[in-house]
Protein backbone atom coordinates (compact mmCIF):
# COMPACT_ATOMS: atom_id res chain seq x y z
CA MET A 1 -10.11 -1.79 -15.38
CA SER A 2 -7.38 -2.40 -12.81
CA GLU A 3 -3.85 -3.38 -13.94
CA PHE A 4 -4.26 -6.71 -12.10
CA VAL A 5 -7.38 -7.57 -14.12
CA THR A 6 -5.81 -6.39 -17.46
CA THR A 7 -2.68 -8.39 -16.85
CA LYS A 8 -4.61 -11.60 -16.02
CA ILE A 9 -6.95 -11.24 -19.03
CA HIS A 10 -4.27 -10.55 -21.62
CA GLY A 11 -1.70 -12.91 -20.06
CA GLN A 12 1.79 -13.58 -21.42
CA GLY A 13 2.92 -15.49 -24.44
CA PRO A 14 1.90 -16.00 -28.09
CA GLU A 15 -0.68 -18.73 -27.34
CA GLY A 16 -3.00 -16.18 -25.66
CA PRO A 17 -3.96 -16.02 -22.03
CA ALA A 18 -1.82 -18.24 -19.84
CA VAL A 19 -4.15 -18.39 -16.81
CA SER A 20 -4.39 -21.20 -14.40
CA HIS A 21 -7.59 -22.25 -12.63
CA GLU A 22 -6.35 -20.62 -9.41
CA ASP A 23 -5.64 -17.36 -11.28
CA CYS A 24 -9.20 -17.43 -12.72
CA VAL A 25 -10.69 -17.92 -9.25
CA ARG A 26 -8.58 -15.08 -7.84
CA LEU A 27 -9.51 -12.88 -10.83
CA LEU A 28 -13.20 -13.61 -10.32
CA ASP A 29 -12.94 -12.85 -6.62
CA ARG A 30 -11.18 -9.60 -7.31
CA VAL A 31 -13.72 -8.48 -9.92
CA GLN A 32 -16.61 -9.41 -7.58
CA GLN A 33 -14.99 -7.42 -4.73
CA GLU A 34 -14.54 -4.37 -7.02
CA ALA A 35 -18.26 -4.63 -8.02
CA ARG A 36 -19.37 -4.85 -4.41
CA THR A 37 -17.27 -1.81 -3.52
CA GLN A 38 -18.84 0.19 -6.41
CA GLN A 39 -22.34 -0.95 -5.38
CA ALA A 40 -21.68 0.10 -1.76
CA HIS A 41 -20.54 3.55 -2.86
CA ALA A 42 -23.57 3.92 -5.01
CA ARG A 43 -25.88 2.96 -2.11
CA ALA A 44 -24.09 5.48 0.17
CA TRP A 45 -24.46 8.31 -2.34
CA GLU A 46 -28.16 7.42 -2.83
CA LEU A 47 -28.80 7.43 0.96
CA ALA A 48 -27.04 10.78 1.31
CA LYS A 49 -29.19 12.20 -1.53
CA GLN A 50 -32.35 10.84 0.17
CA GLN A 51 -31.38 12.44 3.45
CA GLY A 52 -30.54 15.76 1.90
CA VAL A 53 -26.89 15.63 2.84
CA ARG A 54 -24.86 18.18 1.02
CA PRO A 55 -21.15 18.89 0.78
CA THR A 56 -19.80 21.40 3.25
CA GLY A 57 -19.07 24.85 1.87
CA SER A 58 -16.58 25.78 4.50
CA ILE A 59 -14.47 24.08 7.19
CA LYS A 60 -16.08 26.47 9.65
CA GLU A 61 -19.33 24.57 9.24
CA LEU A 62 -17.69 21.57 10.89
CA GLN A 63 -16.47 23.55 13.90
CA GLY A 64 -18.32 22.45 16.97
CA ASN A 65 -19.06 24.36 20.15
CA PHE A 66 -18.99 21.46 22.61
CA TRP A 67 -16.23 22.26 25.14
CA PRO A 68 -17.67 23.14 28.56
CA GLU A 69 -16.82 26.77 29.46
CA GLU A 70 -16.04 25.83 33.11
CA GLU A 71 -13.24 23.49 32.03
CA SER A 72 -10.02 24.57 30.39
CA ALA A 73 -8.14 22.51 27.89
CA ASP A 74 -5.10 22.61 30.17
CA GLU A 75 -7.15 20.97 33.01
CA PHE A 76 -8.24 18.22 30.66
CA LEU A 77 -4.71 17.56 29.39
CA ALA A 78 -3.43 17.45 32.97
CA TRP A 79 -6.14 14.97 33.91
CA LEU A 80 -5.33 12.86 30.80
CA ASP A 81 -1.59 12.93 31.45
CA ASN A 82 -2.27 11.85 35.08
CA LEU A 83 -4.55 9.05 33.95
CA ARG A 84 -2.03 7.74 31.40
CA GLY A 85 0.84 8.03 33.90
CA ASN A 86 -0.60 5.55 36.39
CA ASP A 87 0.41 1.90 35.81
CA LYS A 88 -2.18 0.45 38.13
CA PRO A 89 -5.76 -0.31 37.17
CA ARG A 90 -7.87 2.82 37.35
CA SER A 91 -11.30 4.20 36.95
CA ILE A 92 -12.22 7.42 35.33
CA PRO A 93 -12.79 10.07 37.96
CA GLU A 94 -16.02 12.06 37.87
């Protein structure tokens, strides 16, 4: 349980919990939000399991081969620098 929830439940003082109505509403909202977050994570894990998603074994598995061979990274960076350097409205050249 979060520190926020624990503090609000146990309260301060010898009379027991000293919690206002507004504190109760905030506490309930916080607990409900935490529950929704946990449910969303559970649904995401279940969907991944159904789709056969597995953790990567190596960072190399994430490496793509998408850069066109006829273009160099230097040409792209020069184009991008030129595009960002213009202050006037522009369109992306083809």
